[in-house]
Amino acid sequence: MSHKHISLLSAIFHDPVSGNIHWREIESLLHHLGATIKPAHGARFHVVLNDVECFLHHPHQGNVCDKNLVKYLREFLVRAGVSPSSEAGNA
């Protein structure tokens, strides 16, 4: 895993939650982890990673994700078995 992706995972799991994570970075990370991302209705995207599904919403104003989306993404990654420590070992 690239240093960029490891840094992004750390930012997603860092407290307090970051409000400065860009949608494009999240998409790149999810693709790198092997997720499938398909457009759903409107600004929603259907994401499947390690047989775990969720819907993520593209930010409406700009491309910076709000803190609630980052928290939801964090919960999804945990359910899918992804954490900064698990992925750092795969670098």
N, C-alpha and C. Protein backbone atom coordinates (compact mmCIF):
# COMPACT_ATOMS: atom_id res chain seq x y z
N MET A 1 0.85 -1.17 0.00
CA MET A 1 0.00 0.00 0.00
C MET A 1 0.90 1.24 0.00
N SER A 2 0.53 2.22 -0.78
CA SER A 2 1.36 3.42 -0.89
C SER A 2 1.29 4.25 0.39
N HIS A 3 2.29 5.08 0.56
CA HIS A 3 2.33 5.98 1.73
C HIS A 3 1.11 6.90 1.74
N LYS A 4 0.69 7.32 0.56
CA LYS A 4 -0.49 8.19 0.44
C LYS A 4 -1.74 7.51 1.00
N HIS A 5 -1.94 6.24 0.65
CA HIS A 5 -3.11 5.51 1.13
C HIS A 5 -3.02 5.23 2.63
N ILE A 6 -1.83 4.93 3.12
CA ILE A 6 -1.65 4.70 4.56
C ILE A 6 -1.95 5.98 5.33
N SER A 7 -1.49 7.13 4.81
CA SER A 7 -1.77 8.41 5.46
C SER A 7 -3.26 8.71 5.46
N LEU A 8 -3.94 8.40 4.36
CA LEU A 8 -5.38 8.63 4.28
C LEU A 8 -6.13 7.75 5.27
N LEU A 9 -5.75 6.48 5.37
CA LEU A 9 -6.38 5.59 6.35
C LEU A 9 -6.18 6.13 7.77
N SER A 10 -4.98 6.60 8.06
CA SER A 10 -4.72 7.18 9.38
C SER A 10 -5.61 8.38 9.62
N ALA A 11 -5.80 9.22 8.61
CA ALA A 11 -6.66 10.40 8.75
C ALA A 11 -8.11 10.00 8.98
N ILE A 12 -8.56 8.95 8.31
CA ILE A 12 -9.95 8.50 8.47
C ILE A 12 -10.18 7.98 9.88
N PHE A 13 -9.19 7.30 10.45
CA PHE A 13 -9.35 6.71 11.78
C PHE A 13 -8.87 7.62 12.91
N HIS A 14 -8.38 8.80 12.59
CA HIS A 14 -7.87 9.72 13.60
C HIS A 14 -9.01 10.43 14.32
N ASP A 15 -8.84 10.67 15.62
CA ASP A 15 -9.78 11.48 16.40
C ASP A 15 -9.08 12.74 16.82
N PRO A 16 -9.68 13.90 16.71
CA PRO A 16 -11.02 14.15 16.19
C PRO A 16 -11.07 13.91 14.67
N VAL A 17 -12.28 13.68 14.20
CA VAL A 17 -12.50 13.34 12.79
C VAL A 17 -12.10 14.52 11.91
N SER A 18 -11.39 14.21 10.85
CA SER A 18 -10.94 15.24 9.91
C SER A 18 -12.10 15.72 9.04
N GLY A 19 -12.12 17.00 8.79
CA GLY A 19 -13.10 17.57 7.87
C GLY A 19 -12.44 18.01 6.58
N ASN A 20 -11.27 17.45 6.27
CA ASN A 20 -10.50 17.88 5.11
C ASN A 20 -10.05 16.68 4.27
N ILE A 21 -10.96 15.76 4.02
CA ILE A 21 -10.64 14.60 3.20
C ILE A 21 -11.46 14.72 1.91
N HIS A 22 -10.78 14.58 0.80
CA HIS A 22 -11.43 14.77 -0.50
C HIS A 22 -12.03 13.46 -1.01
N TRP A 23 -13.17 13.58 -1.67
CA TRP A 23 -13.89 12.43 -2.21
C TRP A 23 -13.00 11.61 -3.15
N ARG A 24 -12.24 12.27 -4.00
CA ARG A 24 -11.39 11.57 -4.96
C ARG A 24 -10.36 10.68 -4.25
N GLU A 25 -9.84 11.14 -3.12
CA GLU A 25 -8.89 10.34 -2.34
C GLU A 25 -9.56 9.09 -1.79
N ILE A 26 -10.80 9.24 -1.32
CA ILE A 26 -11.55 8.10 -0.78
C ILE A 26 -11.82 7.09 -1.89
N GLU A 27 -12.24 7.56 -3.05
CA GLU A 27 -12.47 6.66 -4.18
C GLU A 27 -11.20 5.89 -4.53
N SER A 28 -10.08 6.59 -4.59
CA SER A 28 -8.81 5.96 -4.91
C SER A 28 -8.45 4.88 -3.89
N LEU A 29 -8.62 5.20 -2.61
CA LEU A 29 -8.33 4.24 -1.54
C LEU A 29 -9.22 3.01 -1.67
N LEU A 30 -10.51 3.22 -1.85
CA LEU A 30 -11.44 2.09 -1.95
C LEU A 30 -11.10 1.20 -3.15
N HIS A 31 -10.77 1.80 -4.28
CA HIS A 31 -10.37 1.00 -5.45
C HIS A 31 -9.11 0.21 -5.14
N HIS A 32 -8.16 0.84 -4.48
CA HIS A 32 -6.90 0.17 -4.12
C HIS A 32 -7.15 -1.03 -3.20
N LEU A 33 -8.14 -0.89 -2.31
CA LEU A 33 -8.46 -1.97 -1.38
C LEU A 33 -9.25 -3.09 -2.05
N GLY A 34 -9.68 -2.87 -3.30
CA GLY A 34 -10.40 -3.90 -4.04
C GLY A 34 -11.91 -3.74 -4.03
N ALA A 35 -12.39 -2.57 -3.63
CA ALA A 35 -13.83 -2.33 -3.58
C ALA A 35 -14.38 -2.10 -4.98
N THR A 36 -15.65 -2.45 -5.15
CA THR A 36 -16.36 -2.07 -6.36
C THR A 36 -17.23 -0.88 -5.99
N ILE A 37 -17.22 0.13 -6.84
CA ILE A 37 -17.98 1.35 -6.60
C ILE A 37 -18.83 1.60 -7.83
N LYS A 38 -20.15 1.61 -7.63
CA LYS A 38 -21.07 1.82 -8.74
C LYS A 38 -22.00 2.97 -8.40
N PRO A 39 -22.25 3.84 -9.37
CA PRO A 39 -23.20 4.93 -9.12
C PRO A 39 -24.58 4.35 -8.81
N ALA A 40 -25.23 4.94 -7.84
CA ALA A 40 -26.61 4.57 -7.51
C ALA A 40 -27.48 5.78 -7.84
N HIS A 41 -28.51 6.01 -7.10
CA HIS A 41 -29.43 7.11 -7.38
C HIS A 41 -28.85 8.43 -6.89
N GLY A 42 -28.85 9.44 -7.76
CA GLY A 42 -28.38 10.77 -7.37
C GLY A 42 -26.90 10.79 -7.06
N ALA A 43 -26.57 11.31 -5.89
CA ALA A 43 -25.17 11.44 -5.47
C ALA A 43 -24.70 10.23 -4.67
N ARG A 44 -25.49 9.15 -4.69
CA ARG A 44 -25.13 7.96 -3.92
C ARG A 44 -24.30 7.00 -4.75
N PHE A 45 -23.40 6.30 -4.07
CA PHE A 45 -22.58 5.27 -4.69
C PHE A 45 -22.69 4.00 -3.87
N HIS A 46 -22.92 2.88 -4.55
CA HIS A 46 -22.99 1.57 -3.91
C HIS A 46 -21.57 1.02 -3.86
N VAL A 47 -21.10 0.72 -2.66
CA VAL A 47 -19.73 0.25 -2.46
C VAL A 47 -19.76 -1.14 -1.84
N VAL A 48 -18.98 -2.07 -2.40
CA VAL A 48 -18.84 -3.42 -1.85
C VAL A 48 -17.36 -3.68 -1.64
N LEU A 49 -17.00 -4.03 -0.41
CA LEU A 49 -15.62 -4.35 -0.06
C LEU A 49 -15.64 -5.55 0.87
N ASN A 50 -14.94 -6.62 0.49
CA ASN A 50 -14.89 -7.85 1.31
C ASN A 50 -16.28 -8.34 1.68
N ASP A 51 -17.18 -8.33 0.71
CA ASP A 51 -18.57 -8.79 0.87
C ASP A 51 -19.39 -7.94 1.84
N VAL A 52 -18.94 -6.74 2.16
CA VAL A 52 -19.67 -5.80 3.00
C VAL A 52 -20.13 -4.67 2.10
N GLU A 53 -21.41 -4.30 2.21
CA GLU A 53 -21.98 -3.28 1.34
C GLU A 53 -22.32 -2.01 2.12
N CYS A 54 -22.25 -0.88 1.41
CA CYS A 54 -22.75 0.38 1.97
C CYS A 54 -23.04 1.33 0.83
N PHE A 55 -23.71 2.41 1.15
CA PHE A 55 -23.94 3.49 0.21
C PHE A 55 -23.25 4.72 0.75
N LEU A 56 -22.42 5.33 -0.08
CA LEU A 56 -21.74 6.57 0.28
C LEU A 56 -22.31 7.70 -0.57
N HIS A 57 -22.39 8.87 0.02
CA HIS A 57 -22.91 10.03 -0.68
C HIS A 57 -21.77 10.95 -1.08
N HIS A 58 -21.72 11.28 -2.37
CA HIS A 58 -20.75 12.26 -2.85
C HIS A 58 -21.09 13.60 -2.22
N PRO A 59 -20.09 14.36 -1.77
CA PRO A 59 -20.38 15.67 -1.17
C PRO A 59 -21.12 16.57 -2.15
N HIS A 60 -22.11 17.29 -1.65
CA HIS A 60 -22.92 18.15 -2.51
C HIS A 60 -22.22 19.46 -2.84
N GLN A 61 -21.52 20.03 -1.89
CA GLN A 61 -20.81 21.29 -2.10
C GLN A 61 -19.32 21.02 -2.19
N GLY A 62 -18.78 21.04 -3.39
CA GLY A 62 -17.35 20.77 -3.55
C GLY A 62 -17.05 19.29 -3.45
N ASN A 63 -15.80 18.99 -3.14
CA ASN A 63 -15.37 17.59 -3.09
C ASN A 63 -14.82 17.19 -1.73
N VAL A 64 -14.98 18.04 -0.73
CA VAL A 64 -14.48 17.73 0.61
C VAL A 64 -15.59 17.04 1.39
N CYS A 65 -15.27 15.90 1.98
CA CYS A 65 -16.25 15.11 2.72
C CYS A 65 -16.46 15.70 4.11
N ASP A 66 -17.70 15.71 4.55
CA ASP A 66 -17.97 16.22 5.90
C ASP A 66 -17.64 15.15 6.93
N LYS A 67 -17.63 15.56 8.18
CA LYS A 67 -17.20 14.65 9.25
C LYS A 67 -18.13 13.46 9.40
N ASN A 68 -19.43 13.64 9.15
CA ASN A 68 -20.36 12.51 9.26
C ASN A 68 -20.06 11.44 8.22
N LEU A 69 -19.71 11.86 7.00
CA LEU A 69 -19.36 10.88 5.96
C LEU A 69 -18.08 10.14 6.34
N VAL A 70 -17.11 10.85 6.90
CA VAL A 70 -15.86 10.21 7.31
C VAL A 70 -16.13 9.19 8.42
N LYS A 71 -17.00 9.53 9.37
CA LYS A 71 -17.36 8.58 10.45
C LYS A 71 -18.04 7.34 9.87
N TYR A 72 -18.96 7.55 8.93
CA TYR A 72 -19.67 6.44 8.30
C TYR A 72 -18.69 5.56 7.53
N LEU A 73 -17.75 6.20 6.80
CA LEU A 73 -16.74 5.47 6.07
C LEU A 73 -15.87 4.64 7.01
N ARG A 74 -15.51 5.21 8.14
CA ARG A 74 -14.71 4.51 9.14
C ARG A 74 -15.44 3.25 9.62
N GLU A 75 -16.72 3.38 9.93
CA GLU A 75 -17.52 2.23 10.38
C GLU A 75 -17.59 1.16 9.30
N PHE A 76 -17.76 1.59 8.05
CA PHE A 76 -17.81 0.65 6.93
C PHE A 76 -16.49 -0.10 6.80
N LEU A 77 -15.38 0.63 6.87
CA LEU A 77 -14.08 -0.02 6.75
C LEU A 77 -13.83 -1.02 7.87
N VAL A 78 -14.25 -0.70 9.08
CA VAL A 78 -14.11 -1.64 10.20
C VAL A 78 -14.92 -2.91 9.94
N ARG A 79 -16.16 -2.75 9.48
CA ARG A 79 -17.00 -3.92 9.16
C ARG A 79 -16.37 -4.76 8.05
N ALA A 80 -15.65 -4.10 7.13
CA ALA A 80 -15.02 -4.81 6.01
C ALA A 80 -13.64 -5.36 6.39
N GLY A 81 -13.22 -5.16 7.63
CA GLY A 81 -11.96 -5.72 8.10
C GLY A 81 -10.73 -4.89 7.77
N VAL A 82 -10.92 -3.58 7.54
CA VAL A 82 -9.81 -2.71 7.18
C VAL A 82 -9.54 -1.74 8.34
N SER A 83 -8.28 -1.63 8.71
CA SER A 83 -7.86 -0.66 9.71
C SER A 83 -6.45 -0.20 9.36
N PRO A 84 -5.99 0.93 9.91
CA PRO A 84 -4.62 1.37 9.58
C PRO A 84 -3.57 0.33 9.94
N SER A 85 -3.74 -0.35 11.08
CA SER A 85 -2.73 -1.33 11.50
C SER A 85 -2.75 -2.56 10.58
N SER A 86 -3.90 -3.00 10.15
CA SER A 86 -3.97 -4.18 9.27
C SER A 86 -3.38 -3.88 7.90
N GLU A 87 -3.56 -2.67 7.41
CA GLU A 87 -3.06 -2.32 6.07
C GLU A 87 -1.60 -1.91 6.10
N ALA A 88 -1.11 -1.38 7.21
CA ALA A 88 0.31 -1.00 7.29
C ALA A 88 1.20 -2.24 7.14
N GLY A 89 0.71 -3.36 7.63
CA GLY A 89 1.47 -4.61 7.50
C GLY A 89 1.49 -5.12 6.08
N ASN A 90 0.55 -4.66 5.25
CA ASN A 90 0.49 -5.09 3.85
C ASN A 90 1.24 -4.15 2.92
N ALA A 91 1.92 -3.15 3.48
CA ALA A 91 2.57 -2.12 2.64
C ALA A 91 3.70 -2.68 1.82
